[in-house]
Amino acid sequence: MIIYNVTTNIHESVHDQWMIWMQHKHIPEILATGKFSSARMVRVLIEEEMGGVTYSVQYTTDSKETLEKYYQEDAPAFREEGVKLFGDKMLAFRTELELISDH
């Protein structure tokens, strides 16, 4: 199992708008691609020097190949929409994780 982790710092001035967009549009649309089986959104419990609030969304997929298909077929449009809506008030970075074991 592969976890596609997107960590985002969002400026307070657009926080509420971003949260609604994430939960009611962005995450559901990513799941609707059929490339992920689930998504989990969590708040990162640290205070950033630059301010804002930081969240991590973890999308679960079956393989690296499926994730690569997402990158090629879907990711550019999703990233473009986020930049268009929130610009420099949103800073995101992505990490790929491989599940080794559950306990």
PDB file of N, CA and C in Angstrom:
ATOM      1  N   MET A   1       0.848  -1.176   0.000  1.00  0.00           N
ATOM      2  CA  MET A   1       0.000   0.000   0.000  1.00  0.00           C
ATOM      3  C   MET A   1       0.893   1.239   0.000  1.00  0.00           C
ATOM      4  N   ILE A   2       0.478   2.238  -0.781  1.00  0.00           N
ATOM      5  CA  ILE A   2       1.198   3.494  -0.879  1.00  0.00           C
ATOM      6  C   ILE A   2       0.311   4.606  -0.318  1.00  0.00           C
ATOM      7  N   ILE A   3       0.920   5.503   0.452  1.00  0.00           N
ATOM      8  CA  ILE A   3       0.218   6.671   0.975  1.00  0.00           C
ATOM      9  C   ILE A   3       0.821   7.898   0.309  1.00  0.00           C
ATOM     10  N   TYR A   4      -0.026   8.653  -0.344  1.00  0.00           N
ATOM     11  CA  TYR A   4       0.357   9.921  -0.956  1.00  0.00           C
ATOM     12  C   TYR A   4      -0.017  10.995   0.039  1.00  0.00           C
ATOM     13  N   ASN A   5       0.977  11.612   0.650  1.00  0.00           N
ATOM     14  CA  ASN A   5       0.782  12.570   1.723  1.00  0.00           C
ATOM     15  C   ASN A   5       0.997  13.987   1.197  1.00  0.00           C
ATOM     16  N   VAL A   6      -0.010  14.835   1.352  1.00  0.00           N
ATOM     17  CA  VAL A   6       0.106  16.235   0.943  1.00  0.00           C
ATOM     18  C   VAL A   6      -0.008  17.095   2.201  1.00  0.00           C
ATOM     19  N   THR A   7       1.079  17.786   2.547  1.00  0.00           N
ATOM     20  CA  THR A   7       1.104  18.660   3.707  1.00  0.00           C
ATOM     21  C   THR A   7       0.964  20.093   3.214  1.00  0.00           C
ATOM     22  N   THR A   8       0.010  20.816   3.793  1.00  0.00           N
ATOM     23  CA  THR A   8      -0.297  22.166   3.333  1.00  0.00           C
ATOM     24  C   THR A   8      -0.361  23.125   4.504  1.00  0.00           C
ATOM     25  N   ASN A   9       0.316  24.268   4.348  1.00  0.00           N
ATOM     26  CA  ASN A   9       0.172  25.370   5.294  1.00  0.00           C
ATOM     27  C   ASN A   9      -0.738  26.386   4.623  1.00  0.00           C
ATOM     28  N   ILE A  10      -1.805  26.763   5.326  1.00  0.00           N
ATOM     29  CA  ILE A  10      -2.781  27.680   4.759  1.00  0.00           C
ATOM     30  C   ILE A  10      -2.881  28.928   5.632  1.00  0.00           C
ATOM     31  N   HIS A  11      -2.851  30.085   4.998  1.00  0.00           N
ATOM     32  CA  HIS A  11      -2.910  31.367   5.697  1.00  0.00           C
ATOM     33  C   HIS A  11      -4.272  31.535   6.374  1.00  0.00           C
ATOM     34  N   GLU A  12      -4.258  32.133   7.549  1.00  0.00           N
ATOM     35  CA  GLU A  12      -5.496  32.317   8.312  1.00  0.00           C
ATOM     36  C   GLU A  12      -6.578  33.065   7.528  1.00  0.00           C
ATOM     37  N   SER A  13      -6.189  33.983   6.660  1.00  0.00           N
ATOM     38  CA  SER A  13      -7.157  34.815   5.946  1.00  0.00           C
ATOM     39  C   SER A  13      -8.026  34.024   4.964  1.00  0.00           C
ATOM     40  N   VAL A  14      -7.564  32.839   4.547  1.00  0.00           N
ATOM     41  CA  VAL A  14      -8.351  32.014   3.625  1.00  0.00           C
ATOM     42  C   VAL A  14      -8.637  30.629   4.206  1.00  0.00           C
ATOM     43  N   HIS A  15      -8.338  30.460   5.473  1.00  0.00           N
ATOM     44  CA  HIS A  15      -8.451  29.143   6.106  1.00  0.00           C
ATOM     45  C   HIS A  15      -9.840  28.535   5.954  1.00  0.00           C
ATOM     46  N   ASP A  16     -10.882  29.278   6.314  1.00  0.00           N
ATOM     47  CA  ASP A  16     -12.234  28.711   6.295  1.00  0.00           C
ATOM     48  C   ASP A  16     -12.660  28.354   4.871  1.00  0.00           C
ATOM     49  N   GLN A  17     -12.360  29.222   3.918  1.00  0.00           N
ATOM     50  CA  GLN A  17     -12.685  28.959   2.509  1.00  0.00           C
ATOM     51  C   GLN A  17     -11.939  27.711   2.023  1.00  0.00           C
ATOM     52  N   TRP A  18     -10.669  27.597   2.382  1.00  0.00           N
ATOM     53  CA  TRP A  18      -9.852  26.449   1.975  1.00  0.00           C
ATOM     54  C   TRP A  18     -10.399  25.154   2.574  1.00  0.00           C
ATOM     55  N   MET A  19     -10.776  25.199   3.848  1.00  0.00           N
ATOM     56  CA  MET A  19     -11.282  24.004   4.528  1.00  0.00           C
ATOM     57  C   MET A  19     -12.566  23.503   3.869  1.00  0.00           C
ATOM     58  N   ILE A  20     -13.471  24.401   3.539  1.00  0.00           N
ATOM     59  CA  ILE A  20     -14.704  24.008   2.846  1.00  0.00           C
ATOM     60  C   ILE A  20     -14.372  23.400   1.493  1.00  0.00           C
ATOM     61  N   TRP A  21     -13.489  24.050   0.747  1.00  0.00           N
ATOM     62  CA  TRP A  21     -13.077  23.549  -0.569  1.00  0.00           C
ATOM     63  C   TRP A  21     -12.450  22.168  -0.453  1.00  0.00           C
ATOM     64  N   MET A  22     -11.571  21.982   0.508  1.00  0.00           N
ATOM     65  CA  MET A  22     -10.906  20.685   0.682  1.00  0.00           C
ATOM     66  C   MET A  22     -11.914  19.580   0.980  1.00  0.00           C
ATOM     67  N   GLN A  23     -12.778  19.801   1.946  1.00  0.00           N
ATOM     68  CA  GLN A  23     -13.664  18.744   2.414  1.00  0.00           C
ATOM     69  C   GLN A  23     -14.860  18.476   1.494  1.00  0.00           C
ATOM     70  N   HIS A  24     -15.308  19.491   0.784  1.00  0.00           N
ATOM     71  CA  HIS A  24     -16.516  19.318  -0.022  1.00  0.00           C
ATOM     72  C   HIS A  24     -16.268  19.234  -1.519  1.00  0.00           C
ATOM     73  N   LYS A  25     -15.054  19.602  -1.969  1.00  0.00           N
ATOM     74  CA  LYS A  25     -14.776  19.571  -3.396  1.00  0.00           C
ATOM     75  C   LYS A  25     -13.483  18.823  -3.722  1.00  0.00           C
ATOM     76  N   HIS A  26     -12.367  19.313  -3.196  1.00  0.00           N
ATOM     77  CA  HIS A  26     -11.059  18.795  -3.606  1.00  0.00           C
ATOM     78  C   HIS A  26     -10.856  17.318  -3.250  1.00  0.00           C
ATOM     79  N   ILE A  27     -10.984  16.970  -1.996  1.00  0.00           N
ATOM     80  CA  ILE A  27     -10.781  15.571  -1.586  1.00  0.00           C
ATOM     81  C   ILE A  27     -11.791  14.651  -2.276  1.00  0.00           C
ATOM     82  N   PRO A  28     -13.088  14.979  -2.295  1.00  0.00           N
ATOM     83  CA  PRO A  28     -14.028  14.102  -3.017  1.00  0.00           C
ATOM     84  C   PRO A  28     -13.677  13.929  -4.499  1.00  0.00           C
ATOM     85  N   GLU A  29     -13.210  14.996  -5.152  1.00  0.00           N
ATOM     86  CA  GLU A  29     -12.849  14.884  -6.564  1.00  0.00           C
ATOM     87  C   GLU A  29     -11.615  14.005  -6.764  1.00  0.00           C
ATOM     88  N   ILE A  30     -10.656  14.100  -5.866  1.00  0.00           N
ATOM     89  CA  ILE A  30      -9.478  13.228  -5.972  1.00  0.00           C
ATOM     90  C   ILE A  30      -9.896  11.770  -5.773  1.00  0.00           C
ATOM     91  N   LEU A  31     -10.740  11.508  -4.797  1.00  0.00           N
ATOM     92  CA  LEU A  31     -11.224  10.136  -4.597  1.00  0.00           C
ATOM     93  C   LEU A  31     -12.024   9.649  -5.798  1.00  0.00           C
ATOM     94  N   ALA A  32     -12.737  10.557  -6.461  1.00  0.00           N
ATOM     95  CA  ALA A  32     -13.560  10.190  -7.622  1.00  0.00           C
ATOM     96  C   ALA A  32     -12.723   9.770  -8.833  1.00  0.00           C
ATOM     97  N   THR A  33     -11.416  10.045  -8.815  1.00  0.00           N
ATOM     98  CA  THR A  33     -10.567   9.570  -9.918  1.00  0.00           C
ATOM     99  C   THR A  33     -10.491   8.051  -9.933  1.00  0.00           C
ATOM    100  N   GLY A  34     -10.827   7.415  -8.804  1.00  0.00           N
ATOM    101  CA  GLY A  34     -10.749   5.964  -8.696  1.00  0.00           C
ATOM    102  C   GLY A  34      -9.349   5.445  -8.412  1.00  0.00           C
ATOM    103  N   LYS A  35      -8.409   6.349  -8.216  1.00  0.00           N
ATOM    104  CA  LYS A  35      -7.020   5.925  -7.994  1.00  0.00           C
ATOM    105  C   LYS A  35      -6.666   5.798  -6.519  1.00  0.00           C
ATOM    106  N   PHE A  36      -7.554   6.244  -5.650  1.00  0.00           N
ATOM    107  CA  PHE A  36      -7.310   6.169  -4.206  1.00  0.00           C
ATOM    108  C   PHE A  36      -8.507   5.507  -3.532  1.00  0.00           C
ATOM    109  N   SER A  37      -8.228   4.712  -2.512  1.00  0.00           N
ATOM    110  CA  SER A  37      -9.300   4.006  -1.813  1.00  0.00           C
ATOM    111  C   SER A  37      -9.823   4.782  -0.613  1.00  0.00           C
ATOM    112  N   SER A  38      -9.015   5.706  -0.084  1.00  0.00           N
ATOM    113  CA  SER A  38      -9.449   6.481   1.074  1.00  0.00           C
ATOM    114  C   SER A  38      -8.574   7.718   1.222  1.00  0.00           C
ATOM    115  N   ALA A  39      -9.060   8.635   2.052  1.00  0.00           N
ATOM    116  CA  ALA A  39      -8.293   9.834   2.372  1.00  0.00           C
ATOM    117  C   ALA A  39      -8.523  10.164   3.845  1.00  0.00           C
ATOM    118  N   ARG A  40      -7.479  10.649   4.471  1.00  0.00           N
ATOM    119  CA  ARG A  40      -7.549  11.049   5.880  1.00  0.00           C
ATOM    120  C   ARG A  40      -6.941  12.441   5.979  1.00  0.00           C
ATOM    121  N   MET A  41      -7.670  13.362   6.616  1.00  0.00           N
ATOM    122  CA  MET A  41      -7.162  14.722   6.815  1.00  0.00           C
ATOM    123  C   MET A  41      -6.879  14.927   8.295  1.00  0.00           C
ATOM    124  N   VAL A  42      -5.679  15.397   8.603  1.00  0.00           N
ATOM    125  CA  VAL A  42      -5.287  15.643   9.987  1.00  0.00           C
ATOM    126  C   VAL A  42      -4.645  17.024  10.097  1.00  0.00           C
ATOM    127  N   ARG A  43      -4.746  17.596  11.269  1.00  0.00           N
ATOM    128  CA  ARG A  43      -4.073  18.878  11.537  1.00  0.00           C
ATOM    129  C   ARG A  43      -2.706  18.571  12.138  1.00  0.00           C
ATOM    130  N   VAL A  44      -1.703  19.277  11.672  1.00  0.00           N
ATOM    131  CA  VAL A  44      -0.347  19.134  12.203  1.00  0.00           C
ATOM    132  C   VAL A  44      -0.245  20.037  13.429  1.00  0.00           C
ATOM    133  N   LEU A  45       0.109  19.447  14.562  1.00  0.00           N
ATOM    134  CA  LEU A  45       0.092  20.176  15.832  1.00  0.00           C
ATOM    135  C   LEU A  45       1.428  20.845  16.127  1.00  0.00           C
ATOM    136  N   ILE A  46       1.783  21.769  15.252  1.00  0.00           N
ATOM    137  CA  ILE A  46       2.964  22.591  15.482  1.00  0.00           C
ATOM    138  C   ILE A  46       2.593  24.028  15.142  1.00  0.00           C
ATOM    139  N   GLU A  47       3.309  24.963  15.732  1.00  0.00           N
ATOM    140  CA  GLU A  47       3.119  26.364  15.360  1.00  0.00           C
ATOM    141  C   GLU A  47       4.214  26.731  14.392  1.00  0.00           C
ATOM    142  N   GLU A  48       3.817  27.179  13.223  1.00  0.00           N
ATOM    143  CA  GLU A  48       4.775  27.573  12.195  1.00  0.00           C
ATOM    144  C   GLU A  48       5.252  28.997  12.464  1.00  0.00           C
ATOM    145  N   GLU A  49       6.547  29.223  12.296  1.00  0.00           N
ATOM    146  CA  GLU A  49       7.091  30.572  12.434  1.00  0.00           C
ATOM    147  C   GLU A  49       6.436  31.525  11.441  1.00  0.00           C
ATOM    148  N   MET A  50       6.100  31.007  10.249  1.00  0.00           N
ATOM    149  CA  MET A  50       5.513  31.853   9.213  1.00  0.00           C
ATOM    150  C   MET A  50       4.022  32.070   9.433  1.00  0.00           C
ATOM    151  N   GLY A  51       3.449  31.438  10.468  1.00  0.00           N
ATOM    152  CA  GLY A  51       2.029  31.559  10.733  1.00  0.00           C
ATOM    153  C   GLY A  51       1.235  30.536   9.944  1.00  0.00           C
ATOM    154  N   GLY A  52      -0.060  30.725   9.902  1.00  0.00           N
ATOM    155  CA  GLY A  52      -0.913  29.791   9.193  1.00  0.00           C
ATOM    156  C   GLY A  52      -1.192  28.543   9.990  1.00  0.00           C
ATOM    157  N   VAL A  53      -1.983  27.680   9.393  1.00  0.00           N
ATOM    158  CA  VAL A  53      -2.343  26.402   9.999  1.00  0.00           C
ATOM    159  C   VAL A  53      -1.907  25.314   9.018  1.00  0.00           C
ATOM    160  N   THR A  54      -1.338  24.235   9.556  1.00  0.00           N
ATOM    161  CA  THR A  54      -0.813  23.178   8.701  1.00  0.00           C
ATOM    162  C   THR A  54      -1.647  21.910   8.832  1.00  0.00           C
ATOM    163  N   TYR A  55      -1.941  21.311   7.679  1.00  0.00           N
ATOM    164  CA  TYR A  55      -2.715  20.080   7.608  1.00  0.00           C
ATOM    165  C   TYR A  55      -1.976  19.072   6.746  1.00  0.00           C
ATOM    166  N   SER A  56      -2.285  17.812   6.974  1.00  0.00           N
ATOM    167  CA  SER A  56      -1.784  16.733   6.135  1.00  0.00           C
ATOM    168  C   SER A  56      -2.983  15.919   5.666  1.00  0.00           C
ATOM    169  N   VAL A  57      -3.015  15.656   4.351  1.00  0.00           N
ATOM    170  CA  VAL A  57      -4.033  14.769   3.809  1.00  0.00           C
ATOM    171  C   VAL A  57      -3.314  13.553   3.261  1.00  0.00           C
ATOM    172  N   GLN A  58      -3.732  12.371   3.718  1.00  0.00           N
ATOM    173  CA  GLN A  58      -3.098  11.117   3.321  1.00  0.00           C
ATOM    174  C   GLN A  58      -4.070  10.314   2.481  1.00  0.00           C
ATOM    175  N   TYR A  59      -3.707  10.167   1.205  1.00  0.00           N
ATOM    176  CA  TYR A  59      -4.515   9.406   0.253  1.00  0.00           C
ATOM    177  C   TYR A  59      -3.893   8.024   0.103  1.00  0.00           C
ATOM    178  N   THR A  60      -4.702   6.983   0.231  1.00  0.00           N
ATOM    179  CA  THR A  60      -4.217   5.610   0.156  1.00  0.00           C
ATOM    180  C   THR A  60      -4.486   5.046  -1.238  1.00  0.00           C
ATOM    181  N   THR A  61      -3.452   4.432  -1.817  1.00  0.00           N
ATOM    182  CA  THR A  61      -3.588   3.800  -3.120  1.00  0.00           C
ATOM    183  C   THR A  61      -2.914   2.433  -3.099  1.00  0.00           C
ATOM    184  N   ASP A  62      -3.198   1.623  -4.108  1.00  0.00           N
ATOM    185  CA  ASP A  62      -2.722   0.244  -4.097  1.00  0.00           C
ATOM    186  C   ASP A  62      -1.274   0.076  -4.542  1.00  0.00           C
ATOM    187  N   SER A  63      -0.753   1.013  -5.337  1.00  0.00           N
ATOM    188  CA  SER A  63       0.607   0.800  -5.869  1.00  0.00           C
ATOM    189  C   SER A  63       1.236   2.097  -6.330  1.00  0.00           C
ATOM    190  N   LYS A  64       2.532   2.056  -6.493  1.00  0.00           N
ATOM    191  CA  LYS A  64       3.291   3.176  -7.039  1.00  0.00           C
ATOM    192  C   LYS A  64       2.847   3.459  -8.473  1.00  0.00           C
ATOM    193  N   GLU A  65       2.500   2.415  -9.206  1.00  0.00           N
ATOM    194  CA  GLU A  65       2.040   2.579 -10.588  1.00  0.00           C
ATOM    195  C   GLU A  65       0.738   3.379 -10.651  1.00  0.00           C
ATOM    196  N   THR A  66      -0.177   3.092  -9.748  1.00  0.00           N
ATOM    197  CA  THR A  66      -1.435   3.838  -9.712  1.00  0.00           C
ATOM    198  C   THR A  66      -1.170   5.299  -9.356  1.00  0.00           C
ATOM    199  N   LEU A  67      -0.260   5.519  -8.420  1.00  0.00           N
ATOM    200  CA  LEU A  67       0.092   6.887  -8.053  1.00  0.00           C
ATOM    201  C   LEU A  67       0.717   7.621  -9.238  1.00  0.00           C
ATOM    202  N   GLU A  68       1.561   6.950  -9.992  1.00  0.00           N
ATOM    203  CA  GLU A  68       2.159   7.562 -11.186  1.00  0.00           C
ATOM    204  C   GLU A  68       1.085   7.930 -12.207  1.00  0.00           C
ATOM    205  N   LYS A  69       0.066   7.076 -12.362  1.00  0.00           N
ATOM    206  CA  LYS A  69      -1.042   7.401 -13.262  1.00  0.00           C
ATOM    207  C   LYS A  69      -1.766   8.660 -12.790  1.00  0.00           C
ATOM    208  N   TYR A  70      -1.940   8.778 -11.478  1.00  0.00           N
ATOM    209  CA  TYR A  70      -2.558   9.989 -10.922  1.00  0.00           C
ATOM    210  C   TYR A  70      -1.722  11.219 -11.275  1.00  0.00           C
ATOM    211  N   TYR A  71      -0.413  11.121 -11.079  1.00  0.00           N
ATOM    212  CA  TYR A  71       0.476  12.247 -11.398  1.00  0.00           C
ATOM    213  C   TYR A  71       0.325  12.668 -12.857  1.00  0.00           C
ATOM    214  N   GLN A  72       0.246  11.707 -13.749  1.00  0.00           N
ATOM    215  CA  GLN A  72       0.196  11.992 -15.181  1.00  0.00           C
ATOM    216  C   GLN A  72      -1.180  12.478 -15.633  1.00  0.00           C
ATOM    217  N   GLU A  73      -2.226  11.860 -15.128  1.00  0.00           N
ATOM    218  CA  GLU A  73      -3.572  12.111 -15.652  1.00  0.00           C
ATOM    219  C   GLU A  73      -4.377  13.160 -14.886  1.00  0.00           C
ATOM    220  N   ASP A  74      -4.100  13.338 -13.594  1.00  0.00           N
ATOM    221  CA  ASP A  74      -4.997  14.144 -12.764  1.00  0.00           C
ATOM    222  C   ASP A  74      -4.325  15.282 -11.993  1.00  0.00           C
ATOM    223  N   ALA A  75      -3.139  15.046 -11.488  1.00  0.00           N
ATOM    224  CA  ALA A  75      -2.502  15.989 -10.567  1.00  0.00           C
ATOM    225  C   ALA A  75      -2.344  17.405 -11.115  1.00  0.00           C
ATOM    226  N   PRO A  76      -1.911  17.583 -12.372  1.00  0.00           N
ATOM    227  CA  PRO A  76      -1.705  18.963 -12.837  1.00  0.00           C
ATOM    228  C   PRO A  76      -2.946  19.844 -12.717  1.00  0.00           C
ATOM    229  N   ALA A  77      -4.102  19.342 -13.072  1.00  0.00           N
ATOM    230  CA  ALA A  77      -5.330  20.137 -12.992  1.00  0.00           C
ATOM    231  C   ALA A  77      -5.703  20.441 -11.542  1.00  0.00           C
ATOM    232  N   PHE A  78      -5.534  19.458 -10.652  1.00  0.00           N
ATOM    233  CA  PHE A  78      -5.848  19.688  -9.235  1.00  0.00           C
ATOM    234  C   PHE A  78      -4.917  20.739  -8.641  1.00  0.00           C
ATOM    235  N   ARG A  79      -3.634  20.650  -8.945  1.00  0.00           N
ATOM    236  CA  ARG A  79      -2.668  21.616  -8.409  1.00  0.00           C
ATOM    237  C   ARG A  79      -2.952  23.010  -8.956  1.00  0.00           C
ATOM    238  N   GLU A  80      -3.280  23.086 -10.231  1.00  0.00           N
ATOM    239  CA  GLU A  80      -3.582  24.379 -10.859  1.00  0.00           C
ATOM    240  C   GLU A  80      -4.786  25.038 -10.194  1.00  0.00           C
ATOM    241  N   GLU A  81      -5.798  24.251  -9.894  1.00  0.00           N
ATOM    242  CA  GLU A  81      -6.991  24.810  -9.242  1.00  0.00           C
ATOM    243  C   GLU A  81      -6.642  25.396  -7.881  1.00  0.00           C
ATOM    244  N   GLY A  82      -5.840  24.685  -7.093  1.00  0.00           N
ATOM    245  CA  GLY A  82      -5.443  25.185  -5.775  1.00  0.00           C
ATOM    246  C   GLY A  82      -4.672  26.488  -5.866  1.00  0.00           C
ATOM    247  N   VAL A  83      -3.755  26.570  -6.815  1.00  0.00           N
ATOM    248  CA  VAL A  83      -2.979  27.796  -7.004  1.00  0.00           C
ATOM    249  C   VAL A  83      -3.887  28.936  -7.446  1.00  0.00           C
ATOM    250  N   LYS A  84      -4.814  28.643  -8.339  1.00  0.00           N
ATOM    251  CA  LYS A  84      -5.739  29.667  -8.831  1.00  0.00           C
ATOM    252  C   LYS A  84      -6.595  30.226  -7.699  1.00  0.00           C
ATOM    253  N   LEU A  85      -7.061  29.353  -6.820  1.00  0.00           N
ATOM    254  CA  LEU A  85      -7.949  29.777  -5.739  1.00  0.00           C
ATOM    255  C   LEU A  85      -7.217  30.453  -4.579  1.00  0.00           C
ATOM    256  N   PHE A  86      -6.023  29.938  -4.228  1.00  0.00           N
ATOM    257  CA  PHE A  86      -5.380  30.381  -2.992  1.00  0.00           C
ATOM    258  C   PHE A  86      -3.994  30.992  -3.175  1.00  0.00           C
ATOM    259  N   GLY A  87      -3.404  30.862  -4.349  1.00  0.00           N
ATOM    260  CA  GLY A  87      -2.134  31.506  -4.661  1.00  0.00           C
ATOM    261  C   GLY A  87      -1.070  31.323  -3.601  1.00  0.00           C
ATOM    262  N   ASP A  88      -0.462  32.424  -3.203  1.00  0.00           N
ATOM    263  CA  ASP A  88       0.648  32.353  -2.247  1.00  0.00           C
ATOM    264  C   ASP A  88       0.179  32.258  -0.798  1.00  0.00           C
ATOM    265  N   LYS A  89      -1.110  32.115  -0.591  1.00  0.00           N
ATOM    266  CA  LYS A  89      -1.636  31.917   0.769  1.00  0.00           C
ATOM    267  C   LYS A  89      -1.673  30.434   1.138  1.00  0.00           C
ATOM    268  N   MET A  90      -1.200  29.608   0.217  1.00  0.00           N
ATOM    269  CA  MET A  90      -1.156  28.161   0.418  1.00  0.00           C
ATOM    270  C   MET A  90       0.226  27.666   0.010  1.00  0.00           C
ATOM    271  N   LEU A  91       0.860  26.900   0.874  1.00  0.00           N
ATOM    272  CA  LEU A  91       2.153  26.295   0.582  1.00  0.00           C
ATOM    273  C   LEU A  91       2.031  24.799   0.833  1.00  0.00           C
ATOM    274  N   ALA A  92       2.286  23.991  -0.204  1.00  0.00           N
ATOM    275  CA  ALA A  92       2.108  22.538  -0.073  1.00  0.00           C
ATOM    276  C   ALA A  92       3.366  21.805  -0.497  1.00  0.00           C
ATOM    277  N   PHE A  93       3.610  20.675   0.170  1.00  0.00           N
ATOM    278  CA  PHE A  93       4.633  19.751  -0.303  1.00  0.00           C
ATOM    279  C   PHE A  93       4.102  18.332  -0.179  1.00  0.00           C
ATOM    280  N   ARG A  94       4.645  17.470  -1.009  1.00  0.00           N
ATOM    281  CA  ARG A  94       4.118  16.111  -1.124  1.00  0.00           C
ATOM    282  C   ARG A  94       5.183  15.083  -0.763  1.00  0.00           C
ATOM    283  N   THR A  95       4.718  13.990  -0.159  1.00  0.00           N
ATOM    284  CA  THR A  95       5.598  12.900   0.241  1.00  0.00           C
ATOM    285  C   THR A  95       4.931  11.587  -0.133  1.00  0.00           C
ATOM    286  N   GLU A  96       5.708  10.651  -0.612  1.00  0.00           N
ATOM    287  CA  GLU A  96       5.207   9.303  -0.892  1.00  0.00           C
ATOM    288  C   GLU A  96       5.684   8.386   0.224  1.00  0.00           C
ATOM    289  N   LEU A  97       4.761   7.607   0.772  1.00  0.00           N
ATOM    290  CA  LEU A  97       5.062   6.698   1.874  1.00  0.00           C
ATOM    291  C   LEU A  97       4.639   5.293   1.490  1.00  0.00           C
ATOM    292  N   GLU A  98       5.413   4.317   1.911  1.00  0.00           N
ATOM    293  CA  GLU A  98       5.047   2.920   1.697  1.00  0.00           C
ATOM    294  C   GLU A  98       4.739   2.278   3.034  1.00  0.00           C
ATOM    295  N   LEU A  99       3.566   1.698   3.156  1.00  0.00           N
ATOM    296  CA  LEU A  99       3.187   1.028   4.393  1.00  0.00           C
ATOM    297  C   LEU A  99       3.970  -0.269   4.528  1.00  0.00           C
ATOM    298  N   ILE A 100       4.661  -0.421   5.644  1.00  0.00           N
ATOM    299  CA  ILE A 100       5.427  -1.635   5.917  1.00  0.00           C
ATOM    300  C   ILE A 100       4.590  -2.598   6.748  1.00  0.00           C
ATOM    301  N   SER A 101       3.951  -2.087   7.808  1.00  0.00           N
ATOM    302  CA  SER A 101       3.111  -2.964   8.628  1.00  0.00           C
ATOM    303  C   SER A 101       2.155  -2.136   9.457  1.00  0.00           C
ATOM    304  N   ASP A 102       1.042  -2.761   9.794  1.00  0.00           N
ATOM    305  CA  ASP A 102       0.069  -2.202  10.744  1.00  0.00           C
ATOM    306  C   ASP A 102       0.159  -3.027  12.017  1.00  0.00           C
ATOM    307  N   HIS A 103      -0.012  -2.385  13.171  1.00  0.00           N
ATOM    308  CA  HIS A 103       0.035  -3.117  14.435  1.00  0.00           C
ATOM    309  C   HIS A 103      -1.147  -2.751  15.290  1.00  0.00           C
TER     310      HIS A 103
END
